[in-house]
Amino acid sequence: MLSHQGLITLKRVMHDGTKIKASAADKSFRRKTTLESHLRQAQEQVAAMGDPHSEQLSQGVAQARKRALREKQRAAGAGA
């Protein structure tokens, strides 16, 4: 509904695993063209994220983890 009203876009989509019980009208999300459009946008977003097993992504994750560890160590040192 928010997308249909133009209040949000599906350029960036995230999922944190939180389960929320939802209630919606019977026909609110069953329009074929809307579902197809959202599916296409979601597929484009996933494709843009790249291969999760790629070496480049793995290096980025490794660098981010090292940076987080350094920051954690600095914070622990500052608190002592």
PDB file of N, CA and C in Angstrom:
ATOM      1  N   MET A   1       0.820  -1.173   0.000  1.00  0.00           N
ATOM      2  CA  MET A   1       0.000   0.000   0.000  1.00  0.00           C
ATOM      3  C   MET A   1       0.882   1.262   0.000  1.00  0.00           C
ATOM      4  N   LEU A   2       1.933   1.276   0.811  1.00  0.00           N
ATOM      5  CA  LEU A   2       2.813   2.442   0.851  1.00  0.00           C
ATOM      6  C   LEU A   2       3.484   2.673  -0.503  1.00  0.00           C
ATOM      7  N   SER A   3       3.881   1.585  -1.150  1.00  0.00           N
ATOM      8  CA  SER A   3       4.494   1.696  -2.473  1.00  0.00           C
ATOM      9  C   SER A   3       3.475   2.220  -3.482  1.00  0.00           C
ATOM     10  N   HIS A   4       2.274   1.700  -3.420  1.00  0.00           N
ATOM     11  CA  HIS A   4       1.219   2.111  -4.340  1.00  0.00           C
ATOM     12  C   HIS A   4       0.901   3.600  -4.169  1.00  0.00           C
ATOM     13  N   GLN A   5       0.955   4.104  -2.942  1.00  0.00           N
ATOM     14  CA  GLN A   5       0.672   5.512  -2.658  1.00  0.00           C
ATOM     15  C   GLN A   5       1.862   6.411  -3.003  1.00  0.00           C
ATOM     16  N   GLY A   6       3.014   5.804  -3.351  1.00  0.00           N
ATOM     17  CA  GLY A   6       4.187   6.588  -3.688  1.00  0.00           C
ATOM     18  C   GLY A   6       4.943   7.088  -2.453  1.00  0.00           C
ATOM     19  N   LEU A   7       4.657   6.513  -1.293  1.00  0.00           N
ATOM     20  CA  LEU A   7       5.294   6.958  -0.059  1.00  0.00           C
ATOM     21  C   LEU A   7       6.641   6.287   0.183  1.00  0.00           C
ATOM     22  N   ILE A   8       6.856   5.120  -0.417  1.00  0.00           N
ATOM     23  CA  ILE A   8       8.132   4.427  -0.301  1.00  0.00           C
ATOM     24  C   ILE A   8       8.517   3.873  -1.663  1.00  0.00           C
ATOM     25  N   THR A   9       9.795   3.525  -1.793  1.00  0.00           N
ATOM     26  CA  THR A   9      10.255   2.833  -2.991  1.00  0.00           C
ATOM     27  C   THR A   9      10.862   1.517  -2.535  1.00  0.00           C
ATOM     28  N   LEU A  10      11.115   0.650  -3.463  1.00  0.00           N
ATOM     29  CA  LEU A  10      11.745  -0.623  -3.137  1.00  0.00           C
ATOM     30  C   LEU A  10      13.196  -0.633  -3.609  1.00  0.00           C
ATOM     31  N   LYS A  11      13.844   0.541  -3.605  1.00  0.00           N
ATOM     32  CA  LYS A  11      15.232   0.615  -4.026  1.00  0.00           C
ATOM     33  C   LYS A  11      16.149  -0.102  -3.058  1.00  0.00           C
ATOM     34  N   ARG A  12      15.850  -0.033  -1.777  1.00  0.00           N
ATOM     35  CA  ARG A  12      16.660  -0.730  -0.782  1.00  0.00           C
ATOM     36  C   ARG A  12      15.712  -1.511   0.118  1.00  0.00           C
ATOM     37  N   VAL A  13      15.915  -2.812   0.165  1.00  0.00           N
ATOM     38  CA  VAL A  13      15.054  -3.683   0.943  1.00  0.00           C
ATOM     39  C   VAL A  13      15.920  -4.485   1.895  1.00  0.00           C
ATOM     40  N   MET A  14      15.516  -4.550   3.147  1.00  0.00           N
ATOM     41  CA  MET A  14      16.265  -5.312   4.148  1.00  0.00           C
ATOM     42  C   MET A  14      15.282  -6.204   4.892  1.00  0.00           C
ATOM     43  N   HIS A  15      15.817  -7.266   5.441  1.00  0.00           N
ATOM     44  CA  HIS A  15      14.990  -8.194   6.205  1.00  0.00           C
ATOM     45  C   HIS A  15      15.788  -8.629   7.416  1.00  0.00           C
ATOM     46  N   ASP A  16      15.237  -8.435   8.597  1.00  0.00           N
ATOM     47  CA  ASP A  16      15.976  -8.794   9.802  1.00  0.00           C
ATOM     48  C   ASP A  16      15.464 -10.070  10.459  1.00  0.00           C
ATOM     49  N   GLY A  17      14.462 -10.689   9.905  1.00  0.00           N
ATOM     50  CA  GLY A  17      13.967 -11.951  10.436  1.00  0.00           C
ATOM     51  C   GLY A  17      12.871 -11.795  11.473  1.00  0.00           C
ATOM     52  N   THR A  18      12.517 -10.561  11.817  1.00  0.00           N
ATOM     53  CA  THR A  18      11.462 -10.338  12.800  1.00  0.00           C
ATOM     54  C   THR A  18      10.132 -10.810  12.226  1.00  0.00           C
ATOM     55  N   LYS A  19       9.410 -11.570  13.031  1.00  0.00           N
ATOM     56  CA  LYS A  19       8.106 -12.059  12.579  1.00  0.00           C
ATOM     57  C   LYS A  19       7.023 -11.165  13.168  1.00  0.00           C
ATOM     58  N   ILE A  20       6.173 -10.659  12.289  1.00  0.00           N
ATOM     59  CA  ILE A  20       5.101  -9.769  12.696  1.00  0.00           C
ATOM     60  C   ILE A  20       3.801 -10.301  12.129  1.00  0.00           C
ATOM     61  N   LYS A  21       2.814 -10.453  12.980  1.00  0.00           N
ATOM     62  CA  LYS A  21       1.512 -10.899  12.508  1.00  0.00           C
ATOM     63  C   LYS A  21       0.844  -9.737  11.786  1.00  0.00           C
ATOM     64  N   ALA A  22       0.392  -9.992  10.603  1.00  0.00           N
ATOM     65  CA  ALA A  22      -0.217  -8.929   9.799  1.00  0.00           C
ATOM     66  C   ALA A  22      -1.661  -9.273   9.480  1.00  0.00           C
ATOM     67  N   SER A  23      -2.421  -8.247   9.326  1.00  0.00           N
ATOM     68  CA  SER A  23      -3.795  -8.446   8.860  1.00  0.00           C
ATOM     69  C   SER A  23      -4.024  -7.454   7.729  1.00  0.00           C
ATOM     70  N   ALA A  24      -4.566  -7.946   6.656  1.00  0.00           N
ATOM     71  CA  ALA A  24      -4.805  -7.099   5.492  1.00  0.00           C
ATOM     72  C   ALA A  24      -6.082  -7.552   4.813  1.00  0.00           C
ATOM     73  N   ALA A  25      -6.649  -6.663   4.069  1.00  0.00           N
ATOM     74  CA  ALA A  25      -7.861  -6.994   3.331  1.00  0.00           C
ATOM     75  C   ALA A  25      -7.556  -8.090   2.321  1.00  0.00           C
ATOM     76  N   ASP A  26      -8.557  -8.850   1.967  1.00  0.00           N
ATOM     77  CA  ASP A  26      -8.387  -9.983   1.054  1.00  0.00           C
ATOM     78  C   ASP A  26      -7.677  -9.619  -0.234  1.00  0.00           C
ATOM     79  N   LYS A  27      -8.034  -8.512  -0.835  1.00  0.00           N
ATOM     80  CA  LYS A  27      -7.517  -8.182  -2.159  1.00  0.00           C
ATOM     81  C   LYS A  27      -6.364  -7.178  -2.128  1.00  0.00           C
ATOM     82  N   SER A  28      -5.879  -6.830  -0.954  1.00  0.00           N
ATOM     83  CA  SER A  28      -4.898  -5.752  -0.858  1.00  0.00           C
ATOM     84  C   SER A  28      -3.582  -6.062  -1.568  1.00  0.00           C
ATOM     85  N   PHE A  29      -3.136  -7.296  -1.561  1.00  0.00           N
ATOM     86  CA  PHE A  29      -1.855  -7.620  -2.181  1.00  0.00           C
ATOM     87  C   PHE A  29      -1.995  -8.681  -3.264  1.00  0.00           C
ATOM     88  N   ARG A  30      -3.165  -8.881  -3.764  1.00  0.00           N
ATOM     89  CA  ARG A  30      -3.379  -9.952  -4.729  1.00  0.00           C
ATOM     90  C   ARG A  30      -3.504  -9.460  -6.158  1.00  0.00           C
ATOM     91  N   ARG A  31      -3.246  -8.195  -6.383  1.00  0.00           N
ATOM     92  CA  ARG A  31      -3.309  -7.701  -7.757  1.00  0.00           C
ATOM     93  C   ARG A  31      -2.076  -8.199  -8.507  1.00  0.00           C
ATOM     94  N   LYS A  32      -2.314  -8.908  -9.587  1.00  0.00           N
ATOM     95  CA  LYS A  32      -1.233  -9.568 -10.310  1.00  0.00           C
ATOM     96  C   LYS A  32      -0.162  -8.586 -10.776  1.00  0.00           C
ATOM     97  N   THR A  33      -0.568  -7.465 -11.341  1.00  0.00           N
ATOM     98  CA  THR A  33       0.430  -6.510 -11.841  1.00  0.00           C
ATOM     99  C   THR A  33       1.272  -5.938 -10.707  1.00  0.00           C
ATOM    100  N   THR A  34       0.657  -5.682  -9.554  1.00  0.00           N
ATOM    101  CA  THR A  34       1.401  -5.159  -8.408  1.00  0.00           C
ATOM    102  C   THR A  34       2.384  -6.198  -7.893  1.00  0.00           C
ATOM    103  N   LEU A  35       1.933  -7.435  -7.773  1.00  0.00           N
ATOM    104  CA  LEU A  35       2.816  -8.503  -7.304  1.00  0.00           C
ATOM    105  C   LEU A  35       3.982  -8.713  -8.259  1.00  0.00           C
ATOM    106  N   GLU A  36       3.699  -8.704  -9.548  1.00  0.00           N
ATOM    107  CA  GLU A  36       4.761  -8.885 -10.541  1.00  0.00           C
ATOM    108  C   GLU A  36       5.762  -7.737 -10.492  1.00  0.00           C
ATOM    109  N   SER A  37       5.273  -6.529 -10.310  1.00  0.00           N
ATOM    110  CA  SER A  37       6.151  -5.365 -10.229  1.00  0.00           C
ATOM    111  C   SER A  37       7.053  -5.452  -8.996  1.00  0.00           C
ATOM    112  N   HIS A  38       6.481  -5.789  -7.854  1.00  0.00           N
ATOM    113  CA  HIS A  38       7.270  -5.915  -6.627  1.00  0.00           C
ATOM    114  C   HIS A  38       8.251  -7.075  -6.722  1.00  0.00           C
ATOM    115  N   LEU A  39       7.854  -8.168  -7.337  1.00  0.00           N
ATOM    116  CA  LEU A  39       8.749  -9.297  -7.517  1.00  0.00           C
ATOM    117  C   LEU A  39       9.930  -8.900  -8.393  1.00  0.00           C
ATOM    118  N   ARG A  40       9.664  -8.195  -9.480  1.00  0.00           N
ATOM    119  CA  ARG A  40      10.728  -7.743 -10.369  1.00  0.00           C
ATOM    120  C   ARG A  40      11.689  -6.813  -9.633  1.00  0.00           C
ATOM    121  N   GLN A  41      11.152  -5.883  -8.851  1.00  0.00           N
ATOM    122  CA  GLN A  41      12.001  -4.960  -8.097  1.00  0.00           C
ATOM    123  C   GLN A  41      12.851  -5.707  -7.062  1.00  0.00           C
ATOM    124  N   ALA A  42      12.265  -6.682  -6.405  1.00  0.00           N
ATOM    125  CA  ALA A  42      13.005  -7.467  -5.422  1.00  0.00           C
ATOM    126  C   ALA A  42      14.114  -8.278  -6.097  1.00  0.00           C
ATOM    127  N   GLN A  43      13.826  -8.854  -7.253  1.00  0.00           N
ATOM    128  CA  GLN A  43      14.835  -9.614  -7.989  1.00  0.00           C
ATOM    129  C   GLN A  43      15.978  -8.713  -8.434  1.00  0.00           C
ATOM    130  N   GLU A  44      15.654  -7.487  -8.871  1.00  0.00           N
ATOM    131  CA  GLU A  44      16.695  -6.540  -9.267  1.00  0.00           C
ATOM    132  C   GLU A  44      17.569  -6.167  -8.076  1.00  0.00           C
ATOM    133  N   GLN A  45      16.948  -5.985  -6.910  1.00  0.00           N
ATOM    134  CA  GLN A  45      17.691  -5.639  -5.700  1.00  0.00           C
ATOM    135  C   GLN A  45      18.644  -6.768  -5.321  1.00  0.00           C
ATOM    136  N   VAL A  46      18.171  -7.991  -5.375  1.00  0.00           N
ATOM    137  CA  VAL A  46      19.014  -9.147  -5.045  1.00  0.00           C
ATOM    138  C   VAL A  46      20.160  -9.260  -6.044  1.00  0.00           C
ATOM    139  N   ALA A  47      19.880  -9.071  -7.312  1.00  0.00           N
ATOM    140  CA  ALA A  47      20.926  -9.147  -8.335  1.00  0.00           C
ATOM    141  C   ALA A  47      21.969  -8.051  -8.125  1.00  0.00           C
ATOM    142  N   ALA A  48      21.527  -6.862  -7.720  1.00  0.00           N
ATOM    143  CA  ALA A  48      22.453  -5.745  -7.500  1.00  0.00           C
ATOM    144  C   ALA A  48      23.363  -5.990  -6.302  1.00  0.00           C
ATOM    145  N   MET A  49      22.933  -6.814  -5.375  1.00  0.00           N
ATOM    146  CA  MET A  49      23.745  -7.104  -4.184  1.00  0.00           C
ATOM    147  C   MET A  49      24.930  -7.990  -4.533  1.00  0.00           C
ATOM    148  N   GLY A  50      24.871  -8.693  -5.630  1.00  0.00           N
ATOM    149  CA  GLY A  50      25.990  -9.506  -6.062  1.00  0.00           C
ATOM    150  C   GLY A  50      25.989 -10.898  -5.454  1.00  0.00           C
ATOM    151  N   ASP A  51      26.969 -11.682  -5.863  1.00  0.00           N
ATOM    152  CA  ASP A  51      27.114 -13.059  -5.404  1.00  0.00           C
ATOM    153  C   ASP A  51      27.664 -13.064  -3.984  1.00  0.00           C
ATOM    154  N   PRO A  52      26.944 -13.637  -3.018  1.00  0.00           N
ATOM    155  CA  PRO A  52      27.427 -13.624  -1.634  1.00  0.00           C
ATOM    156  C   PRO A  52      28.698 -14.435  -1.436  1.00  0.00           C
ATOM    157  N   HIS A  53      29.060 -15.250  -2.405  1.00  0.00           N
ATOM    158  CA  HIS A  53      30.262 -16.078  -2.299  1.00  0.00           C
ATOM    159  C   HIS A  53      31.430 -15.497  -3.088  1.00  0.00           C
ATOM    160  N   SER A  54      31.239 -14.295  -3.647  1.00  0.00           N
ATOM    161  CA  SER A  54      32.306 -13.714  -4.453  1.00  0.00           C
ATOM    162  C   SER A  54      33.491 -13.324  -3.574  1.00  0.00           C
ATOM    163  N   GLU A  55      34.678 -13.384  -4.155  1.00  0.00           N
ATOM    164  CA  GLU A  55      35.900 -13.052  -3.411  1.00  0.00           C
ATOM    165  C   GLU A  55      35.884 -11.591  -2.982  1.00  0.00           C
ATOM    166  N   GLN A  56      35.404 -10.708  -3.843  1.00  0.00           N
ATOM    167  CA  GLN A  56      35.372  -9.287  -3.530  1.00  0.00           C
ATOM    168  C   GLN A  56      34.484  -9.024  -2.316  1.00  0.00           C
ATOM    169  N   LEU A  57      33.318  -9.629  -2.281  1.00  0.00           N
ATOM    170  CA  LEU A  57      32.419  -9.455  -1.149  1.00  0.00           C
ATOM    171  C   LEU A  57      33.040 -10.042   0.107  1.00  0.00           C
ATOM    172  N   SER A  58      33.663 -11.192  -0.008  1.00  0.00           N
ATOM    173  CA  SER A  58      34.287 -11.831   1.145  1.00  0.00           C
ATOM    174  C   SER A  58      35.387 -10.950   1.723  1.00  0.00           C
ATOM    175  N   GLN A  59      36.160 -10.299   0.864  1.00  0.00           N
ATOM    176  CA  GLN A  59      37.203  -9.397   1.335  1.00  0.00           C
ATOM    177  C   GLN A  59      36.585  -8.198   2.040  1.00  0.00           C
ATOM    178  N   GLY A  60      35.497  -7.705   1.511  1.00  0.00           N
ATOM    179  CA  GLY A  60      34.807  -6.574   2.139  1.00  0.00           C
ATOM    180  C   GLY A  60      34.279  -6.938   3.508  1.00  0.00           C
ATOM    181  N   VAL A  61      33.717  -8.126   3.623  1.00  0.00           N
ATOM    182  CA  VAL A  61      33.208  -8.591   4.912  1.00  0.00           C
ATOM    183  C   VAL A  61      34.356  -8.762   5.897  1.00  0.00           C
ATOM    184  N   ALA A  62      35.461  -9.336   5.435  1.00  0.00           N
ATOM    185  CA  ALA A  62      36.626  -9.528   6.300  1.00  0.00           C
ATOM    186  C   ALA A  62      37.156  -8.187   6.789  1.00  0.00           C
ATOM    187  N   GLN A  63      37.222  -7.201   5.904  1.00  0.00           N
ATOM    188  CA  GLN A  63      37.690  -5.872   6.292  1.00  0.00           C
ATOM    189  C   GLN A  63      36.733  -5.228   7.293  1.00  0.00           C
ATOM    190  N   ALA A  64      35.455  -5.388   7.080  1.00  0.00           N
ATOM    191  CA  ALA A  64      34.465  -4.825   7.999  1.00  0.00           C
ATOM    192  C   ALA A  64      34.585  -5.474   9.377  1.00  0.00           C
ATOM    193  N   ARG A  65      34.813  -6.773   9.408  1.00  0.00           N
ATOM    194  CA  ARG A  65      34.973  -7.465  10.691  1.00  0.00           C
ATOM    195  C   ARG A  65      36.227  -7.000  11.423  1.00  0.00           C
ATOM    196  N   LYS A  66      37.325  -6.806  10.677  1.00  0.00           N
ATOM    197  CA  LYS A  66      38.565  -6.308  11.289  1.00  0.00           C
ATOM    198  C   LYS A  66      38.349  -4.911  11.859  1.00  0.00           C
ATOM    199  N   ARG A  67      37.662  -4.073  11.089  1.00  0.00           N
ATOM    200  CA  ARG A  67      37.388  -2.711  11.537  1.00  0.00           C
ATOM    201  C   ARG A  67      36.519  -2.721  12.790  1.00  0.00           C
ATOM    202  N   ALA A  68      35.504  -3.576  12.826  1.00  0.00           N
ATOM    203  CA  ALA A  68      34.632  -3.676  13.996  1.00  0.00           C
ATOM    204  C   ALA A  68      35.412  -4.153  15.213  1.00  0.00           C
ATOM    205  N   LEU A  69      36.330  -5.106  15.023  1.00  0.00           N
ATOM    206  CA  LEU A  69      37.144  -5.606  16.125  1.00  0.00           C
ATOM    207  C   LEU A  69      38.049  -4.498  16.665  1.00  0.00           C
ATOM    208  N   ARG A  70      38.676  -3.728  15.765  1.00  0.00           N
ATOM    209  CA  ARG A  70      39.526  -2.610  16.199  1.00  0.00           C
ATOM    210  C   ARG A  70      38.720  -1.595  17.001  1.00  0.00           C
ATOM    211  N   GLU A  71      37.532  -1.273  16.525  1.00  0.00           N
ATOM    212  CA  GLU A  71      36.689  -0.305  17.222  1.00  0.00           C
ATOM    213  C   GLU A  71      36.264  -0.828  18.591  1.00  0.00           C
ATOM    214  N   LYS A  72      35.963  -2.103  18.657  1.00  0.00           N
ATOM    215  CA  LYS A  72      35.577  -2.714  19.926  1.00  0.00           C
ATOM    216  C   LYS A  72      36.743  -2.685  20.909  1.00  0.00           C
ATOM    217  N   GLN A  73      37.955  -2.979  20.409  1.00  0.00           N
ATOM    218  CA  GLN A  73      39.133  -2.964  21.260  1.00  0.00           C
ATOM    219  C   GLN A  73      39.424  -1.537  21.745  1.00  0.00           C
ATOM    220  N   ARG A  74      39.263  -0.552  20.859  1.00  0.00           N
ATOM    221  CA  ARG A  74      39.455   0.837  21.261  1.00  0.00           C
ATOM    222  C   ARG A  74      38.450   1.243  22.328  1.00  0.00           C
ATOM    223  N   ALA A  75      37.210   0.852  22.146  1.00  0.00           N
ATOM    224  CA  ALA A  75      36.186   1.194  23.122  1.00  0.00           C
ATOM    225  C   ALA A  75      36.460   0.539  24.458  1.00  0.00           C
ATOM    226  N   ALA A  76      36.926  -0.713  24.427  1.00  0.00           N
ATOM    227  CA  ALA A  76      37.254  -1.409  25.677  1.00  0.00           C
ATOM    228  C   ALA A  76      38.455  -0.749  26.359  1.00  0.00           C
ATOM    229  N   GLY A  77      39.423  -0.304  25.575  1.00  0.00           N
ATOM    230  CA  GLY A  77      40.603   0.386  26.128  1.00  0.00           C
ATOM    231  C   GLY A  77      40.236   1.737  26.717  1.00  0.00           C
ATOM    232  N   ALA A  78      39.304   2.445  26.096  1.00  0.00           N
ATOM    233  CA  ALA A  78      38.901   3.756  26.587  1.00  0.00           C
ATOM    234  C   ALA A  78      38.093   3.642  27.868  1.00  0.00           C
ATOM    235  N   GLY A  79      37.399   2.527  28.024  1.00  0.00           N
ATOM    236  CA  GLY A  79      36.577   2.313  29.214  1.00  0.00           C
ATOM    237  C   GLY A  79      37.375   1.848  30.415  1.00  0.00           C
ATOM    238  N   ALA A  80      38.615   1.406  30.196  1.00  0.00           N
ATOM    239  CA  ALA A  80      39.417   0.857  31.293  1.00  0.00           C
ATOM    240  C   ALA A  80      40.094   1.940  32.088  1.00  0.00           C
TER     241      ALA A  80
END
